[in-house]
Structures are given as structure tokens and as C-alpha cells.
Protein backbone atom coordinates (compact mmCIF):
# COMPACT_ATOMS: atom_id res chain seq x y z
CA MET A 1 -63.76 -75.28 -27.79
CA ASN A 2 -62.30 -76.72 -31.00
CA VAL A 3 -58.84 -78.15 -30.34
CA GLU A 4 -56.62 -79.00 -33.28
CA ARG A 5 -54.45 -82.07 -32.76
CA VAL A 6 -52.11 -81.01 -35.57
CA GLN A 7 -51.04 -77.61 -36.92
CA VAL A 8 -48.57 -76.39 -39.52
CA THR A 9 -46.10 -73.51 -39.51
CA PRO A 10 -46.18 -70.93 -42.33
CA ALA A 11 -42.79 -72.18 -43.59
CA ALA A 12 -44.02 -75.77 -43.82
CA GLU A 13 -47.27 -74.61 -45.41
CA ALA A 14 -45.26 -72.90 -48.18
CA VAL A 15 -43.33 -76.11 -48.91
CA ILE A 16 -46.56 -78.11 -48.93
CA ALA A 17 -48.05 -75.67 -51.46
CA ARG A 18 -45.03 -76.14 -53.78
CA LEU A 19 -45.22 -79.92 -53.42
CA ARG A 20 -48.94 -79.89 -54.21
CA VAL A 21 -48.32 -77.96 -57.44
CA ALA A 22 -45.70 -80.52 -58.50
CA ASN A 23 -47.44 -83.69 -57.24
CA GLY A 24 -51.18 -83.06 -56.89
CA PRO A 25 -53.12 -83.88 -53.69
CA LEU A 26 -50.92 -84.93 -50.78
CA LEU A 27 -51.15 -86.92 -47.56
CA PHE A 28 -49.01 -86.88 -44.40
CA HIS A 29 -48.27 -89.90 -42.28
CA GLN A 30 -46.17 -90.13 -39.14
CA SER A 31 -45.29 -93.66 -38.21
CA GLY A 32 -42.37 -94.17 -35.89
CA GLY A 33 -40.91 -96.77 -38.20
CA CYS A 34 -37.33 -97.95 -38.05
CA CYS A 35 -35.97 -96.20 -41.13
CA ASP A 36 -37.12 -92.64 -40.66
CA GLY A 37 -37.90 -92.55 -36.98
CA SER A 38 -40.98 -90.51 -36.27
CA ALA A 39 -40.51 -87.96 -39.04
CA PRO A 40 -43.71 -86.82 -40.73
CA MET A 41 -43.70 -88.17 -44.28
CA CYS A 42 -45.40 -86.47 -47.23
CA TYR A 43 -46.73 -88.62 -50.08
CA PRO A 44 -48.94 -88.20 -53.13
CA ARG A 45 -52.39 -88.92 -51.71
CA ASN A 46 -53.13 -91.72 -54.16
CA GLU A 47 -49.81 -93.49 -53.49
CA PHE A 48 -50.17 -94.16 -49.75
CA ARG A 49 -52.61 -96.67 -48.31
CA VAL A 50 -53.95 -95.64 -44.93
CA GLY A 51 -54.33 -98.63 -42.60
CA ALA A 52 -57.20 -99.43 -40.27
CA GLN A 53 -55.02 -98.58 -37.24
CA ASP A 54 -53.82 -95.22 -38.57
CA VAL A 55 -55.30 -92.29 -36.64
CA PHE A 56 -56.63 -89.26 -38.52
CA LEU A 57 -55.46 -86.14 -36.65
CA GLY A 58 -56.80 -83.47 -38.96
CA TRP A 59 -55.92 -81.28 -41.92
CA ILE A 60 -52.82 -79.14 -42.43
CA ALA A 61 -52.57 -76.94 -45.52
CA ASP A 62 -55.52 -78.77 -47.14
CA THR A 63 -53.72 -82.08 -46.59
CA PRO A 64 -54.92 -84.94 -44.35
CA PHE A 65 -52.54 -85.91 -41.56
CA TYR A 66 -52.43 -89.44 -40.11
CA ILE A 67 -50.32 -91.00 -37.39
CA GLY A 68 -49.69 -94.66 -36.62
CA ALA A 69 -51.65 -96.01 -33.65
CA ALA A 70 -48.53 -96.73 -31.55
CA GLN A 71 -47.22 -93.21 -32.16
CA PHE A 72 -50.61 -91.74 -31.31
CA GLU A 73 -50.60 -93.51 -27.94
CA TYR A 74 -47.28 -91.85 -27.19
CA TRP A 75 -48.19 -88.39 -28.57
CA GLN A 76 -51.92 -88.17 -27.73
CA HIS A 77 -51.40 -85.61 -24.99
CA THR A 78 -49.60 -83.20 -27.29
CA GLN A 79 -50.46 -80.98 -30.21
CA LEU A 80 -48.22 -81.78 -33.16
CA ILE A 81 -46.82 -78.77 -35.02
CA ILE A 82 -45.41 -79.63 -38.43
CA ASP A 83 -42.46 -77.44 -39.38
CA VAL A 84 -39.74 -77.54 -42.01
CA VAL A 85 -35.99 -77.13 -41.50
CA PRO A 86 -32.99 -77.15 -43.83
CA GLY A 87 -31.45 -80.56 -44.33
CA ARG A 88 -31.88 -83.81 -46.10
CA GLY A 89 -35.33 -85.29 -45.73
CA SER A 90 -36.22 -88.93 -46.10
CA GLY A 91 -35.73 -90.47 -49.51
CA PHE A 92 -39.39 -91.55 -49.36
CA SER A 93 -40.91 -88.18 -48.48
CA LEU A 94 -41.65 -85.68 -51.26
CA GLU A 95 -39.67 -82.81 -49.74
CA ALA A 96 -36.34 -84.70 -49.95
CA PRO A 97 -35.21 -83.07 -53.24
CA GLU A 98 -36.10 -79.61 -51.89
CA GLY A 99 -33.14 -79.52 -49.48
CA VAL A 100 -35.48 -79.40 -46.48
CA ARG A 101 -37.16 -81.89 -44.22
CA PHE A 102 -40.41 -81.85 -42.32
CA LEU A 103 -40.08 -81.93 -38.55
CA THR A 104 -42.63 -82.50 -35.81
CA ARG A 105 -42.56 -80.12 -32.90
CA SER A 106 -45.03 -80.51 -30.07
CA ARG A 107 -46.57 -78.91 -27.04
CA VAL A 108 -48.56 -80.51 -24.24
CA PHE A 109 -52.27 -79.72 -24.32
CA THR A 110 -53.55 -77.47 -21.55
CA ASP A 111 -55.95 -78.99 -19.01
CA GLU A 112 -58.82 -77.19 -20.74
CA GLU A 113 -57.79 -78.52 -24.18
CA ALA A 114 -57.35 -82.06 -22.82
CA ALA A 115 -60.83 -81.93 -21.30
CA ALA A 116 -62.32 -80.73 -24.61
CA LEU A 117 -60.58 -83.56 -26.48
CA LYS A 118 -61.86 -86.09 -23.95
CA ARG A 119 -65.43 -84.81 -24.43
CA ALA A 120 -65.02 -85.03 -28.23
CA GLY A 121 -63.96 -88.67 -28.01
CA PRO A 122 -61.07 -90.45 -29.70
CA PRO A 123 -60.10 -89.49 -33.25
CA GLU A 124 -61.19 -91.66 -36.15
CA ARG A 125 -59.00 -94.52 -37.38
CA GLY A 126 -58.44 -95.60 -40.94
CA ASP A 127 -59.01 -93.69 -44.15
CA VAL A 128 -61.77 -91.38 -42.89
CA ALA A 129 -60.70 -88.00 -44.28
CA PRO A 130 -63.13 -86.58 -46.83
CA ALA A 131 -61.81 -86.19 -50.38
CA GLU A 132 -61.13 -82.48 -49.83
CA ALA A 133 -60.68 -80.32 -46.76
CA SER A 134 -63.80 -78.61 -45.56
């Protein structure tokens, strides 16, 4: 059983596609920092430095998605679902001028999914995503 730790809604995928055309390859990071709470942030891939403690959750819309270690500890039992809603995004995230903001929704993994994730072992930390999605 292949369990995805992060998924994307079709609406968010469409925004990501527009941002990629305008900005090139992208990267998502969800931190839990003081300024933007735990909002997922979208950056040009070459303008964000992934830290050794950042956890690689997977790919959404051909874009690597990382989460800070402290946030991962809190959210590890849930699948993150990246969506987009009308409103003002963070001034640091690329969607801000679009009049929308990315939003993380979640659902708790089923017992079967949790067991599969446990067998697979913990996700990688640091900048481990390959250059392009496979």
C-alpha cells in the first residue's frame, strides 16, 4: 500500500501550474513560524534553502513539499491536503498577488495507512527530493 503524506486539490493544482509558468520550478514549505502560522508557503525552488531538520513529505503538482520537524511531529498522523481559498495569502508566498491563499486541510490516517507508513519508516529529512518529480 502506497500512502501519500501530502495531496493537492484540483483548484490548488491549477494555481500551482500558473505560478510555475510565471516563476519556474517551485517548492512548498510548511513551518509553523510566528508570522504566517502553519500556512503552506510556495517559493521559487532555487530561492528557499531546505534545512537538515525539514521533512520531505512528497510531491504535489510536480513540486516538492517539505514541513518543519516540529510541525511534522504534530501532523505526522494526518494526511495533509493542500487547497486554495480566496483571500490574501502571505506576503512571502508566491500566490499572494493572485488574490488566493494556500490552505492545509487534513485527515487522520486510517489504521491500515498508519501501519503501512510505520513499515515504510520515517520520511527523509533535508533536501532529498530529486531534481524533478518521478
